[in-house]
C-alpha atoms as a PDB file:
ATOM      1  CA  MET A   1     101.940  65.782  87.652  1.00  0.00           C
ATOM      2  CA  THR A   2     102.242  62.015  87.997  1.00  0.00           C
ATOM      3  CA  LYS A   3     101.897  60.638  91.489  1.00  0.00           C
ATOM      4  CA  ILE A   4     104.738  58.339  92.468  1.00  0.00           C
ATOM      5  CA  LYS A   5     103.955  55.274  94.569  1.00  0.00           C
ATOM      6  CA  GLU A   6     105.429  55.602  98.038  1.00  0.00           C
ATOM      7  CA  THR A   7     106.917  52.110  97.776  1.00  0.00           C
ATOM      8  CA  SER A   8     108.852  52.786  94.572  1.00  0.00           C
ATOM      9  CA  THR A   9     112.592  53.335  94.338  1.00  0.00           C
ATOM     10  CA  ASN A  10     111.899  56.596  92.513  1.00  0.00           C
ATOM     11  CA  PHE A  11     109.881  57.845  95.501  1.00  0.00           C
ATOM     12  CA  ALA A  12     112.659  56.892  97.933  1.00  0.00           C
ATOM     13  CA  ASN A  13     115.279  58.608  95.769  1.00  0.00           C
ATOM     14  CA  ARG A  14     113.194  61.765  95.414  1.00  0.00           C
ATOM     15  CA  LYS A  15     112.512  61.867  99.163  1.00  0.00           C
ATOM     16  CA  ALA A  16     116.200  61.446  99.993  1.00  0.00           C
ATOM     17  CA  LEU A  17     117.187  64.153  97.510  1.00  0.00           C
ATOM     18  CA  THR A  18     114.662  66.669  98.814  1.00  0.00           C
ATOM     19  CA  GLU A  19     115.826  66.038 102.379  1.00  0.00           C
ATOM     20  CA  GLU A  20     119.457  66.651 101.387  1.00  0.00           C
ATOM     21  CA  CYS A  21     118.967  69.428  98.840  1.00  0.00           C
ATOM     22  CA  PRO A  22     117.061  72.573  99.892  1.00  0.00           C
ATOM     23  CA  GLU A  23     117.016  73.812  96.284  1.00  0.00           C
ATOM     24  CA  LEU A  24     115.153  70.699  95.140  1.00  0.00           C
ATOM     25  CA  TYR A  25     112.812  70.936  98.129  1.00  0.00           C
ATOM     26  CA  ALA A  26     111.943  74.535  97.191  1.00  0.00           C
ATOM     27  CA  SER A  27     111.609  73.626  93.526  1.00  0.00           C
ATOM     28  CA  ASN A  28     109.120  70.876  94.387  1.00  0.00           C
ATOM     29  CA  LEU A  29     107.024  73.332  96.424  1.00  0.00           C
ATOM     30  CA  LEU A  30     106.847  75.814  93.555  1.00  0.00           C
ATOM     31  CA  GLY A  31     107.112  73.402  90.646  1.00  0.00           C
ATOM     32  CA  GLY A  32     104.938  73.915  87.607  1.00  0.00           C
ATOM     33  CA  GLN A  33     104.038  77.079  85.796  1.00  0.00           C
ATOM     34  CA  TRP A  34     100.961  77.978  87.806  1.00  0.00           C
ATOM     35  CA  SER A  35     102.366  78.053  91.356  1.00  0.00           C
ATOM     36  CA  LEU A  36     105.089  80.501  90.477  1.00  0.00           C
ATOM     37  CA  ALA A  37     102.693  82.642  88.427  1.00  0.00           C
ATOM     38  CA  ILE A  38     100.171  82.741  91.278  1.00  0.00           C
ATOM     39  CA  CYS A  39     102.900  83.813  93.707  1.00  0.00           C
ATOM     40  CA  SER A  40     104.053  86.492  91.265  1.00  0.00           C
ATOM     41  CA  TYR A  41     100.571  88.019  91.086  1.00  0.00           C
ATOM     42  CA  LEU A  42     100.097  87.810  94.845  1.00  0.00           C
ATOM     43  CA  MET A  43     103.320  89.796  95.327  1.00  0.00           C
ATOM     44  CA  ILE A  44     101.180  92.813  94.370  1.00  0.00           C
ATOM     45  CA  GLY A  45      98.743  92.117  97.199  1.00  0.00           C
ATOM     46  CA  LYS A  46      95.563  90.274  98.159  1.00  0.00           C
ATOM     47  CA  MET A  47      93.438  88.910  95.333  1.00  0.00           C
ATOM     48  CA  ARG A  48      90.130  87.135  95.022  1.00  0.00           C
ATOM     49  CA  PHE A  49      89.748  83.898  93.067  1.00  0.00           C
ATOM     50  CA  GLY A  50      88.170  85.658  90.071  1.00  0.00           C
ATOM     51  CA  GLU A  51      90.924  88.273  89.964  1.00  0.00           C
ATOM     52  CA  LEU A  52      93.611  85.598  89.963  1.00  0.00           C
ATOM     53  CA  LYS A  53      91.808  83.618  87.271  1.00  0.00           C
ATOM     54  CA  LYS A  54      91.492  86.700  85.074  1.00  0.00           C
ATOM     55  CA  SER A  55      95.171  87.590  85.592  1.00  0.00           C
ATOM     56  CA  LEU A  56      96.353  84.064  84.760  1.00  0.00           C
ATOM     57  CA  GLY A  57      94.408  83.812  81.513  1.00  0.00           C
ATOM     58  CA  ASN A  58      94.101  80.187  80.409  1.00  0.00           C
ATOM     59  CA  ILE A  59      94.007  78.474  83.815  1.00  0.00           C
ATOM     60  CA  THR A  60      90.889  76.435  84.550  1.00  0.00           C
ATOM     61  CA  ASP A  61      88.880  76.865  87.747  1.00  0.00           C
ATOM     62  CA  ARG A  62      89.867  73.359  88.819  1.00  0.00           C
ATOM     63  CA  MET A  63      93.591  73.918  88.261  1.00  0.00           C
ATOM     64  CA  LEU A  64      93.532  77.256  90.081  1.00  0.00           C
ATOM     65  CA  THR A  65      91.684  75.664  92.996  1.00  0.00           C
ATOM     66  CA  LEU A  66      94.192  72.794  93.173  1.00  0.00           C
ATOM     67  CA  GLN A  67      97.188  75.127  92.999  1.00  0.00           C
ATOM     68  CA  LEU A  68      95.808  77.466  95.662  1.00  0.00           C
ATOM     69  CA  LYS A  69      95.110  74.496  97.958  1.00  0.00           C
ATOM     70  CA  LYS A  70      98.655  73.199  97.424  1.00  0.00           C
ATOM     71  CA  LEU A  71     100.159  76.629  98.145  1.00  0.00           C
ATOM     72  CA  GLU A  72      97.952  76.982 101.222  1.00  0.00           C
ATOM     73  CA  GLN A  73      98.915  73.521 102.523  1.00  0.00           C
ATOM     74  CA  ASN A  74     102.572  74.441 102.076  1.00  0.00           C
ATOM     75  CA  LYS A  75     102.003  77.677 104.044  1.00  0.00           C
ATOM     76  CA  ILE A  76     102.982  79.888 101.081  1.00  0.00           C
ATOM     77  CA  VAL A  77      99.503  81.382 100.623  1.00  0.00           C
ATOM     78  CA  THR A  78      96.866  82.235 103.189  1.00  0.00           C
ATOM     79  CA  ARG A  79      93.140  82.136 102.503  1.00  0.00           C
ATOM     80  CA  THR A  80      90.770  84.479 104.313  1.00  0.00           C
ATOM     81  CA  VAL A  81      86.997  83.966 104.181  1.00  0.00           C
ATOM     82  CA  TYR A  82      84.834  86.958 105.082  1.00  0.00           C
ATOM     83  CA  PRO A  83      81.347  86.234 106.474  1.00  0.00           C
ATOM     84  CA  GLU A  84      79.364  87.979 103.759  1.00  0.00           C
ATOM     85  CA  VAL A  85      76.662  86.998 101.313  1.00  0.00           C
ATOM     86  CA  PRO A  86      77.901  86.028  98.803  1.00  0.00           C
ATOM     87  CA  PRO A  87      81.063  84.811 100.544  1.00  0.00           C
ATOM     88  CA  CYS A  88      84.211  86.818  99.920  1.00  0.00           C
ATOM     89  CA  VAL A  89      87.488  84.884  99.867  1.00  0.00           C
ATOM     90  CA  GLU A  90      90.863  86.537  99.493  1.00  0.00           C
ATOM     91  CA  TYR A  91      94.256  84.980  98.923  1.00  0.00           C
ATOM     92  CA  GLU A  92      97.574  86.506  99.859  1.00  0.00           C
ATOM     93  CA  LEU A  93     101.135  85.423 100.375  1.00  0.00           C
ATOM     94  CA  SER A  94     102.026  84.357 103.881  1.00  0.00           C
ATOM     95  CA  GLU A  95     105.031  85.806 105.662  1.00  0.00           C
ATOM     96  CA  ILE A  96     107.258  83.043 104.269  1.00  0.00           C
ATOM     97  CA  GLY A  97     105.584  83.441 100.873  1.00  0.00           C
ATOM     98  CA  TYR A  98     106.587  87.107 100.695  1.00  0.00           C
ATOM     99  CA  LYS A  99     110.196  86.037 101.207  1.00  0.00           C
ATOM    100  CA  LEU A 100     110.010  84.594  97.680  1.00  0.00           C
ATOM    101  CA  LYS A 101     110.068  88.116  96.233  1.00  0.00           C
ATOM    102  CA  PRO A 102     113.852  88.336  95.644  1.00  0.00           C
ATOM    103  CA  VAL A 103     113.846  84.787  94.228  1.00  0.00           C
ATOM    104  CA  ILE A 104     111.028  85.608  91.792  1.00  0.00           C
ATOM    105  CA  GLU A 105     112.747  88.861  90.802  1.00  0.00           C
ATOM    106  CA  GLU A 106     115.997  86.990  90.076  1.00  0.00           C
ATOM    107  CA  LEU A 107     114.122  84.343  88.067  1.00  0.00           C
ATOM    108  CA  ASP A 108     112.557  87.178  86.070  1.00  0.00           C
ATOM    109  CA  LYS A 109     115.989  88.668  85.324  1.00  0.00           C
ATOM    110  CA  TRP A 110     117.480  85.297  84.462  1.00  0.00           C
ATOM    111  CA  GLY A 111     114.515  84.344  82.248  1.00  0.00           C
ATOM    112  CA  THR A 112     114.730  87.622  80.349  1.00  0.00           C
ATOM    113  CA  MET A 113     118.485  87.240  79.897  1.00  0.00           C
ATOM    114  CA  HIS A 114     118.156  83.618  78.741  1.00  0.00           C
ATOM    115  CA  LYS A 115     115.397  84.416  76.210  1.00  0.00           C
ATOM    116  CA  GLU A 116     117.558  87.157  74.717  1.00  0.00           C
ATOM    117  CA  SER A 117     120.619  84.902  74.467  1.00  0.00           C
ATOM    118  CA  VAL A 118     119.003  81.940  72.665  1.00  0.00           C
END
């Protein structure tokens, strides 16, 4: 994703739109294929980094790390570190993250319907 300079007109327009349009705000939080896929897998329950990576297939360690950090910063995912050797870290959806379930289910239905119609 290209970073937009905060002084650009494009940045100002995007900021104004996201403040006025909750749908665009939500879309920006979950934008990209990985964020939504990560949330979909975490709907099942807590997962460790390796489990998520294996479930997602072609994602790189770096991309998974970046996406998890973004989701954590946006309070969609929580990260729990257990004091063990080696360290155990689990990721799960936060309370607000779990509220995505009906949205993800509807996107699944719509995506299936669209693929069949084109």
